[in-house]
N, C-alpha and C. Protein backbone atom coordinates (compact mmCIF):
# COMPACT_ATOMS: atom_id res chain seq x y z
N MET A 1 -3.42 12.26 -15.14
CA MET A 1 -4.24 11.46 -14.24
C MET A 1 -3.34 10.62 -13.35
N SER A 2 -3.62 10.62 -12.06
CA SER A 2 -2.81 9.86 -11.11
C SER A 2 -3.36 8.46 -10.90
N ILE A 3 -2.46 7.51 -10.86
CA ILE A 3 -2.79 6.12 -10.56
C ILE A 3 -2.32 5.85 -9.13
N GLN A 4 -3.14 5.21 -8.33
CA GLN A 4 -2.78 4.91 -6.95
C GLN A 4 -2.14 3.53 -6.86
N VAL A 5 -1.09 3.45 -6.05
CA VAL A 5 -0.45 2.19 -5.72
C VAL A 5 -0.89 1.87 -4.29
N LEU A 6 -1.60 0.76 -4.12
CA LEU A 6 -2.16 0.39 -2.83
C LEU A 6 -1.47 -0.83 -2.26
N ALA A 7 -1.44 -0.91 -0.93
CA ALA A 7 -0.85 -2.07 -0.26
C ALA A 7 -1.74 -3.29 -0.52
N PRO A 8 -1.15 -4.41 -0.92
CA PRO A 8 -1.95 -5.60 -1.19
C PRO A 8 -2.45 -6.29 0.08
N MET A 9 -1.80 -5.99 1.21
CA MET A 9 -2.15 -6.63 2.48
C MET A 9 -1.53 -5.85 3.63
N VAL A 10 -1.87 -6.23 4.83
CA VAL A 10 -1.24 -5.65 6.02
C VAL A 10 0.22 -6.09 6.04
N GLY A 11 1.11 -5.17 6.34
CA GLY A 11 2.53 -5.52 6.40
C GLY A 11 3.37 -4.34 6.83
N LYS A 12 4.68 -4.52 6.69
CA LYS A 12 5.65 -3.49 7.06
C LYS A 12 6.45 -3.12 5.81
N VAL A 13 6.63 -1.82 5.57
CA VAL A 13 7.42 -1.37 4.43
C VAL A 13 8.89 -1.65 4.73
N VAL A 14 9.51 -2.47 3.89
CA VAL A 14 10.93 -2.80 4.05
C VAL A 14 11.78 -1.78 3.32
N SER A 15 11.38 -1.43 2.09
CA SER A 15 12.13 -0.45 1.31
C SER A 15 11.25 0.18 0.24
N VAL A 16 11.61 1.40 -0.11
CA VAL A 16 10.99 2.11 -1.22
C VAL A 16 12.05 2.13 -2.32
N LEU A 17 11.72 1.55 -3.46
CA LEU A 17 12.71 1.30 -4.51
C LEU A 17 12.82 2.41 -5.55
N VAL A 18 11.99 3.43 -5.44
CA VAL A 18 11.99 4.54 -6.39
C VAL A 18 11.92 5.86 -5.62
N GLU A 19 12.10 6.96 -6.34
CA GLU A 19 12.00 8.31 -5.76
C GLU A 19 10.95 9.09 -6.54
N VAL A 20 10.48 10.19 -5.97
CA VAL A 20 9.59 11.08 -6.69
C VAL A 20 10.33 11.54 -7.96
N GLY A 21 9.65 11.46 -9.08
CA GLY A 21 10.25 11.82 -10.36
C GLY A 21 10.78 10.64 -11.14
N SER A 22 10.88 9.47 -10.52
CA SER A 22 11.36 8.27 -11.22
C SER A 22 10.36 7.82 -12.27
N GLU A 23 10.87 7.39 -13.41
CA GLU A 23 10.04 6.79 -14.45
C GLU A 23 9.90 5.31 -14.13
N VAL A 24 8.67 4.78 -14.19
CA VAL A 24 8.44 3.37 -13.92
C VAL A 24 7.63 2.77 -15.06
N ALA A 25 7.81 1.48 -15.25
CA ALA A 25 7.02 0.73 -16.23
C ALA A 25 6.05 -0.17 -15.47
N GLU A 26 4.96 -0.51 -16.12
CA GLU A 26 3.98 -1.39 -15.50
C GLU A 26 4.67 -2.65 -14.98
N ASP A 27 4.34 -3.04 -13.76
CA ASP A 27 4.86 -4.22 -13.06
C ASP A 27 6.26 -4.04 -12.49
N ASP A 28 6.91 -2.88 -12.68
CA ASP A 28 8.19 -2.64 -12.00
C ASP A 28 7.95 -2.65 -10.50
N ALA A 29 8.86 -3.28 -9.75
CA ALA A 29 8.76 -3.25 -8.28
C ALA A 29 9.07 -1.84 -7.80
N VAL A 30 8.17 -1.27 -7.00
CA VAL A 30 8.36 0.09 -6.50
C VAL A 30 8.51 0.14 -4.98
N ILE A 31 7.96 -0.84 -4.29
CA ILE A 31 8.03 -0.92 -2.82
C ILE A 31 8.12 -2.38 -2.43
N MET A 32 8.89 -2.66 -1.38
CA MET A 32 8.95 -4.01 -0.81
C MET A 32 8.22 -3.99 0.53
N ILE A 33 7.30 -4.94 0.70
CA ILE A 33 6.54 -5.07 1.95
C ILE A 33 6.81 -6.45 2.53
N GLU A 34 6.96 -6.50 3.85
CA GLU A 34 7.13 -7.78 4.55
C GLU A 34 5.82 -8.12 5.25
N ALA A 35 5.34 -9.32 4.99
CA ALA A 35 4.12 -9.81 5.64
C ALA A 35 4.35 -11.28 6.00
N MET A 36 4.11 -11.63 7.23
CA MET A 36 4.30 -13.01 7.70
C MET A 36 5.71 -13.51 7.39
N LYS A 37 6.71 -12.66 7.61
CA LYS A 37 8.13 -12.96 7.43
C LYS A 37 8.53 -13.25 5.98
N VAL A 38 7.69 -12.82 5.04
CA VAL A 38 7.99 -12.98 3.62
C VAL A 38 7.99 -11.60 2.98
N GLU A 39 9.04 -11.27 2.21
CA GLU A 39 9.09 -10.00 1.51
C GLU A 39 8.40 -10.13 0.16
N MET A 40 7.53 -9.15 -0.13
CA MET A 40 6.78 -9.13 -1.38
C MET A 40 7.00 -7.81 -2.10
N PRO A 41 7.33 -7.84 -3.38
CA PRO A 41 7.40 -6.58 -4.12
C PRO A 41 5.99 -6.10 -4.47
N VAL A 42 5.80 -4.79 -4.43
CA VAL A 42 4.56 -4.17 -4.90
C VAL A 42 4.90 -3.53 -6.24
N GLY A 43 4.18 -3.91 -7.26
CA GLY A 43 4.49 -3.43 -8.61
C GLY A 43 3.68 -2.22 -9.02
N ALA A 44 4.24 -1.46 -9.93
CA ALA A 44 3.53 -0.31 -10.51
C ALA A 44 2.37 -0.82 -11.35
N PRO A 45 1.18 -0.26 -11.18
CA PRO A 45 0.03 -0.73 -11.95
C PRO A 45 0.00 -0.23 -13.40
N ALA A 46 0.87 0.75 -13.72
CA ALA A 46 0.90 1.33 -15.07
C ALA A 46 2.23 2.04 -15.29
N ASP A 47 2.56 2.32 -16.54
CA ASP A 47 3.73 3.13 -16.87
C ASP A 47 3.47 4.56 -16.40
N GLY A 48 4.53 5.24 -15.97
CA GLY A 48 4.37 6.64 -15.60
C GLY A 48 5.53 7.18 -14.79
N THR A 49 5.28 8.31 -14.14
CA THR A 49 6.28 9.00 -13.32
C THR A 49 5.77 9.05 -11.89
N VAL A 50 6.64 8.71 -10.94
CA VAL A 50 6.25 8.73 -9.53
C VAL A 50 5.96 10.18 -9.12
N LYS A 51 4.73 10.42 -8.67
CA LYS A 51 4.28 11.76 -8.29
C LYS A 51 4.46 12.00 -6.79
N ALA A 52 4.12 11.00 -5.97
CA ALA A 52 4.18 11.15 -4.51
C ALA A 52 4.37 9.79 -3.87
N ILE A 53 5.12 9.77 -2.77
CA ILE A 53 5.34 8.56 -1.98
C ILE A 53 4.82 8.87 -0.58
N HIS A 54 3.90 8.04 -0.10
CA HIS A 54 3.22 8.31 1.16
C HIS A 54 3.70 7.45 2.32
N VAL A 55 4.69 6.60 2.11
CA VAL A 55 5.22 5.74 3.17
C VAL A 55 6.74 5.77 3.14
N GLN A 56 7.33 5.27 4.21
CA GLN A 56 8.79 5.15 4.26
C GLN A 56 9.13 3.83 4.94
N PRO A 57 10.37 3.36 4.77
CA PRO A 57 10.75 2.10 5.41
C PRO A 57 10.47 2.13 6.91
N GLY A 58 9.92 1.02 7.39
CA GLY A 58 9.58 0.90 8.80
C GLY A 58 8.12 1.14 9.09
N ASP A 59 7.40 1.78 8.16
CA ASP A 59 5.97 2.03 8.36
C ASP A 59 5.18 0.73 8.30
N THR A 60 4.18 0.60 9.15
CA THR A 60 3.22 -0.49 9.07
C THR A 60 2.05 0.00 8.25
N VAL A 61 1.60 -0.83 7.32
CA VAL A 61 0.51 -0.43 6.44
C VAL A 61 -0.64 -1.43 6.52
N ASP A 62 -1.84 -0.92 6.26
CA ASP A 62 -3.04 -1.75 6.19
C ASP A 62 -3.28 -2.15 4.75
N GLY A 63 -4.07 -3.20 4.55
CA GLY A 63 -4.46 -3.58 3.21
C GLY A 63 -5.21 -2.46 2.54
N ASP A 64 -4.92 -2.20 1.29
CA ASP A 64 -5.53 -1.14 0.47
C ASP A 64 -5.14 0.27 0.91
N GLN A 65 -4.11 0.40 1.74
CA GLN A 65 -3.63 1.74 2.11
C GLN A 65 -2.86 2.34 0.94
N LEU A 66 -3.03 3.64 0.73
CA LEU A 66 -2.32 4.35 -0.34
C LEU A 66 -0.83 4.41 -0.03
N LEU A 67 -0.01 3.88 -0.93
CA LEU A 67 1.44 3.87 -0.76
C LEU A 67 2.11 4.95 -1.61
N MET A 68 1.60 5.11 -2.83
CA MET A 68 2.28 5.94 -3.81
C MET A 68 1.30 6.36 -4.89
N GLU A 69 1.61 7.49 -5.55
CA GLU A 69 0.83 7.92 -6.71
C GLU A 69 1.76 8.04 -7.92
N ILE A 70 1.25 7.61 -9.06
CA ILE A 70 2.02 7.64 -10.31
C ILE A 70 1.20 8.40 -11.33
N ASP A 71 1.83 9.38 -12.00
CA ASP A 71 1.19 10.10 -13.11
C ASP A 71 1.41 9.32 -14.40
N GLU A 72 0.34 9.12 -15.13
CA GLU A 72 0.46 8.42 -16.42
C GLU A 72 1.04 9.34 -17.46
């Protein structure tokens, strides 16, 4: 089952901290987003393996936009 990682707010992707196939633990930072000149880490919502990454550094994202999928 895939878990979706969604953008918490409108912002710009500063960096993607993992790759497809990476093992992540719940709350691990997986993406950094800049909003209002502040960088915020986006954490993994569950333990699992990164299945797909839908953004890259420099992308502008909307709130609740799909950033990444993680297989439990």
